[in-house]
Structure formats: C-alpha cells, structure tokens
C-alpha atoms as a PDB file:
ATOM      1  CA  UNK A   1      14.334  -7.832  -1.385  1.00  0.00           C
ATOM      2  CA  UNK A   2      14.398  -6.734   2.252  1.00  0.00           C
ATOM      3  CA  UNK A   3      16.346  -3.600   1.314  1.00  0.00           C
ATOM      4  CA  UNK A   4      13.631  -2.595  -1.156  1.00  0.00           C
ATOM      5  CA  UNK A   5      10.942  -3.423   1.407  1.00  0.00           C
ATOM      6  CA  UNK A   6      12.666  -1.276   4.047  1.00  0.00           C
ATOM      7  CA  UNK A   7      13.166   1.616   1.610  1.00  0.00           C
ATOM      8  CA  UNK A   8       9.493   1.523   0.653  1.00  0.00           C
ATOM      9  CA  UNK A   9       8.525   1.468   4.314  1.00  0.00           C
ATOM     10  CA  UNK A  10      10.733   4.469   5.100  1.00  0.00           C
ATOM     11  CA  UNK A  11       9.396   6.355   2.065  1.00  0.00           C
ATOM     12  CA  UNK A  12       5.830   5.644   3.132  1.00  0.00           C
ATOM     13  CA  UNK A  13       6.434   6.864   6.690  1.00  0.00           C
ATOM     14  CA  UNK A  14       8.174  10.046   5.513  1.00  0.00           C
ATOM     15  CA  UNK A  15       5.444  10.795   2.969  1.00  0.00           C
ATOM     16  CA  UNK A  16       2.741  10.208   5.592  1.00  0.00           C
ATOM     17  CA  UNK A  17       4.376  12.586   8.062  1.00  0.00           C
ATOM     18  CA  UNK A  18       4.960  15.239   5.391  1.00  0.00           C
ATOM     19  CA  UNK A  19       1.378  14.880   4.202  1.00  0.00           C
ATOM     20  CA  UNK A  20       0.094  15.368   7.756  1.00  0.00           C
ATOM     21  CA  UNK A  21       2.172  18.538   8.068  1.00  0.00           C
ATOM     22  CA  UNK A  22       0.989  19.908   4.741  1.00  0.00           C
ATOM     23  CA  UNK A  23      -2.653  19.203   5.498  1.00  0.00           C
ATOM     24  CA  UNK A  24      -2.389  20.954   8.857  1.00  0.00           C
ATOM     25  CA  UNK A  25      -0.778  24.006   7.211  1.00  0.00           C
ATOM     26  CA  UNK A  26      -3.592  24.454   4.691  1.00  0.00           C
ATOM     27  CA  UNK A  27      -6.489  26.809   5.255  1.00  0.00           C
ATOM     28  CA  UNK A  28      -9.996  25.494   5.490  1.00  0.00           C
ATOM     29  CA  UNK A  29     -12.884  26.469   3.226  1.00  0.00           C
ATOM     30  CA  UNK A  30     -14.115  29.102   5.699  1.00  0.00           C
ATOM     31  CA  UNK A  31     -10.763  30.912   5.875  1.00  0.00           C
ATOM     32  CA  UNK A  32     -11.571  32.973   2.760  1.00  0.00           C
ATOM     33  CA  UNK A  33     -14.388  34.851   4.518  1.00  0.00           C
ATOM     34  CA  UNK A  34     -12.000  36.071   7.195  1.00  0.00           C
ATOM     35  CA  UNK A  35      -9.531  37.321   4.608  1.00  0.00           C
ATOM     36  CA  UNK A  36     -12.251  39.387   2.924  1.00  0.00           C
ATOM     37  CA  UNK A  37     -12.675  41.462   6.103  1.00  0.00           C
ATOM     38  CA  UNK A  38      -8.984  42.221   6.556  1.00  0.00           C
ATOM     39  CA  UNK A  39      -7.754  38.903   7.866  1.00  0.00           C
ATOM     40  CA  UNK A  40      -4.252  39.462   6.488  1.00  0.00           C
ATOM     41  CA  UNK A  41      -4.334  36.903   3.679  1.00  0.00           C
ATOM     42  CA  UNK A  42      -1.429  38.548   1.841  1.00  0.00           C
ATOM     43  CA  UNK A  43       0.919  38.068   4.796  1.00  0.00           C
ATOM     44  CA  UNK A  44       1.304  34.348   4.105  1.00  0.00           C
ATOM     45  CA  UNK A  45       4.578  32.755   3.127  1.00  0.00           C
ATOM     46  CA  UNK A  46       3.619  31.955  -0.475  1.00  0.00           C
ATOM     47  CA  UNK A  47       1.564  35.061  -1.259  1.00  0.00           C
ATOM     48  CA  UNK A  48      -2.189  35.523  -1.375  1.00  0.00           C
ATOM     49  CA  UNK A  49      -3.018  32.767  -3.895  1.00  0.00           C
ATOM     50  CA  UNK A  50       0.228  30.884  -4.395  1.00  0.00           C
ATOM     51  CA  UNK A  51       0.083  29.066  -1.086  1.00  0.00           C
ATOM     52  CA  UNK A  52      -3.075  27.146  -1.812  1.00  0.00           C
ATOM     53  CA  UNK A  53      -1.825  25.920  -5.162  1.00  0.00           C
ATOM     54  CA  UNK A  54       1.594  24.901  -3.843  1.00  0.00           C
ATOM     55  CA  UNK A  55       0.234  23.194  -0.735  1.00  0.00           C
ATOM     56  CA  UNK A  56      -2.578  21.385  -2.523  1.00  0.00           C
ATOM     57  CA  UNK A  57      -0.312  20.154  -5.319  1.00  0.00           C
ATOM     58  CA  UNK A  58       2.324  19.011  -2.830  1.00  0.00           C
ATOM     59  CA  UNK A  59      -0.338  17.183  -0.853  1.00  0.00           C
ATOM     60  CA  UNK A  60      -1.554  15.484  -4.035  1.00  0.00           C
ATOM     61  CA  UNK A  61       1.963  14.366  -4.954  1.00  0.00           C
ATOM     62  CA  UNK A  62       2.607  13.027  -1.454  1.00  0.00           C
ATOM     63  CA  UNK A  63      -0.748  11.241  -1.443  1.00  0.00           C
ATOM     64  CA  UNK A  64       0.184   9.551  -4.732  1.00  0.00           C
ATOM     65  CA  UNK A  65       3.578   8.503  -3.344  1.00  0.00           C
ATOM     66  CA  UNK A  66       1.891   7.172  -0.205  1.00  0.00           C
ATOM     67  CA  UNK A  67      -0.680   5.227  -2.246  1.00  0.00           C
ATOM     68  CA  UNK A  68       1.959   3.690  -4.544  1.00  0.00           C
ATOM     69  CA  UNK A  69       4.118   2.716  -1.546  1.00  0.00           C
ATOM     70  CA  UNK A  70       1.093   1.137   0.127  1.00  0.00           C
ATOM     71  CA  UNK A  71       0.324  -0.958  -2.957  1.00  0.00           C
ATOM     72  CA  UNK A  72       3.968  -2.007  -3.335  1.00  0.00           C
ATOM     73  CA  UNK A  73       4.251  -2.964   0.339  1.00  0.00           C
ATOM     74  CA  UNK A  74       1.046  -4.985   0.085  1.00  0.00           C
ATOM     75  CA  UNK A  75       2.372  -6.787  -2.990  1.00  0.00           C
ATOM     76  CA  UNK A  76       5.764  -7.556  -1.459  1.00  0.00           C
ATOM     77  CA  UNK A  77       4.227  -8.550   1.857  1.00  0.00           C
ATOM     78  CA  UNK A  78       1.812 -10.939   0.167  1.00  0.00           C
ATOM     79  CA  UNK A  79       4.406 -12.539  -2.111  1.00  0.00           C
ATOM     80  CA  UNK A  80       6.666 -13.652   0.740  1.00  0.00           C
ATOM     81  CA  UNK A  81       6.428 -17.421   1.318  1.00  0.00           C
ATOM     82  CA  UNK A  82       5.378 -18.669   4.717  1.00  0.00           C
ATOM     83  CA  UNK A  83       8.439 -19.792   6.652  1.00  0.00           C
ATOM     84  CA  UNK A  84       6.999 -22.452   8.916  1.00  0.00           C
ATOM     85  CA  UNK A  85       3.593 -23.324   7.513  1.00  0.00           C
ATOM     86  CA  UNK A  86       0.329 -23.153   9.350  1.00  0.00           C
ATOM     87  CA  UNK A  87      -0.012 -22.390  13.025  1.00  0.00           C
ATOM     88  CA  UNK A  88      -2.296 -25.389  13.410  1.00  0.00           C
ATOM     89  CA  UNK A  89       0.367 -27.725  12.016  1.00  0.00           C
ATOM     90  CA  UNK A  90       2.806 -26.749  14.739  1.00  0.00           C
ATOM     91  CA  UNK A  91       0.285 -27.216  17.579  1.00  0.00           C
ATOM     92  CA  UNK A  92       0.549 -30.292  19.752  1.00  0.00           C
ATOM     93  CA  UNK A  93      -2.000 -33.002  18.929  1.00  0.00           C
ATOM     94  CA  UNK A  94      -4.903 -33.251  21.320  1.00  0.00           C
ATOM     95  CA  UNK A  95      -5.744 -36.736  22.546  1.00  0.00           C
ATOM     96  CA  UNK A  96      -9.394 -37.609  22.884  1.00  0.00           C
ATOM     97  CA  UNK A  97     -10.623 -38.738  26.301  1.00  0.00           C
ATOM     98  CA  UNK A  98     -11.037 -42.474  26.708  1.00  0.00           C
ATOM     99  CA  UNK A  99     -14.478 -43.707  25.772  1.00  0.00           C
ATOM    100  CA  UNK A 100     -16.455 -45.182  28.680  1.00  0.00           C
ATOM    101  CA  UNK A 101     -16.654 -48.946  28.648  1.00  0.00           C
ATOM    102  CA  UNK A 102     -20.008 -50.514  28.009  1.00  0.00           C
ATOM    103  CA  UNK A 103     -21.336 -52.626  30.856  1.00  0.00           C
ATOM    104  CA  UNK A 104     -21.855 -56.270  30.099  1.00  0.00           C
ATOM    105  CA  UNK A 105     -25.347 -57.425  29.267  1.00  0.00           C
ATOM    106  CA  UNK A 106     -27.481 -57.917  32.344  1.00  0.00           C
ATOM    107  CA  UNK A 107     -25.421 -55.669  34.631  1.00  0.00           C
ATOM    108  CA  UNK A 108     -26.796 -52.489  36.097  1.00  0.00           C
ATOM    109  CA  UNK A 109     -24.354 -49.589  35.861  1.00  0.00           C
ATOM    110  CA  UNK A 110     -23.161 -48.159  39.158  1.00  0.00           C
ATOM    111  CA  UNK A 111     -23.094 -51.399  41.145  1.00  0.00           C
END
C-alpha cells in the first residue's frame, strides 16, 4: 500500500511540474494581435497553429492526471487507520486544584 501511495505521490509531483512548464510555454490571449503585425508566429517550434493545440491538449491531459492522483491520494490518506488514537487520550491527566475548606459555623474567615 505504501508503494502505491509513493508512486501516486511521485506521479502527482511530476505532473504538477510538467503542467507548470506547459502553462508557462503557452501564449496568452493577447499574443495573437502581435503575430498579426509581423510578430513571427510561424517561427515557433510546432508551427503557426499546431503549438496551441498540442500544448493545450497536453495541459488538459496532465491536469486530468493531477486531479485523479489528488483524489486517489485523498482516498488512501483517509482510509489509513489511526496508529495511536486521539491526541487527547495520550495527554497527561490534569488534576483539579484542591477545593477550599469551608469555615466552621460561627467562625469569621481570615482570623
């Protein structure tokens, strides 16, 4: 069970890092206006239109992998039994302070 948990954790970390890289490589919505005025849009690695499709689909696949890994890690993390019980059960018992004694009838306290 710990091997599966560790593999899911590694897969989630790798997919998160790859997703960050892919998102940073993508062009924003305003990048098309610059390409219309000779911004060199065809000089990209994947061609003029192929890059957006490849990057957006790869980001979608990695987001799905990340989401599935997150759900699986939450399920496996929740299904583990507690090893030692509650934190309050292991705390030392607190003793109450001694109650003050009542003075006998007819005595004035403080004498």
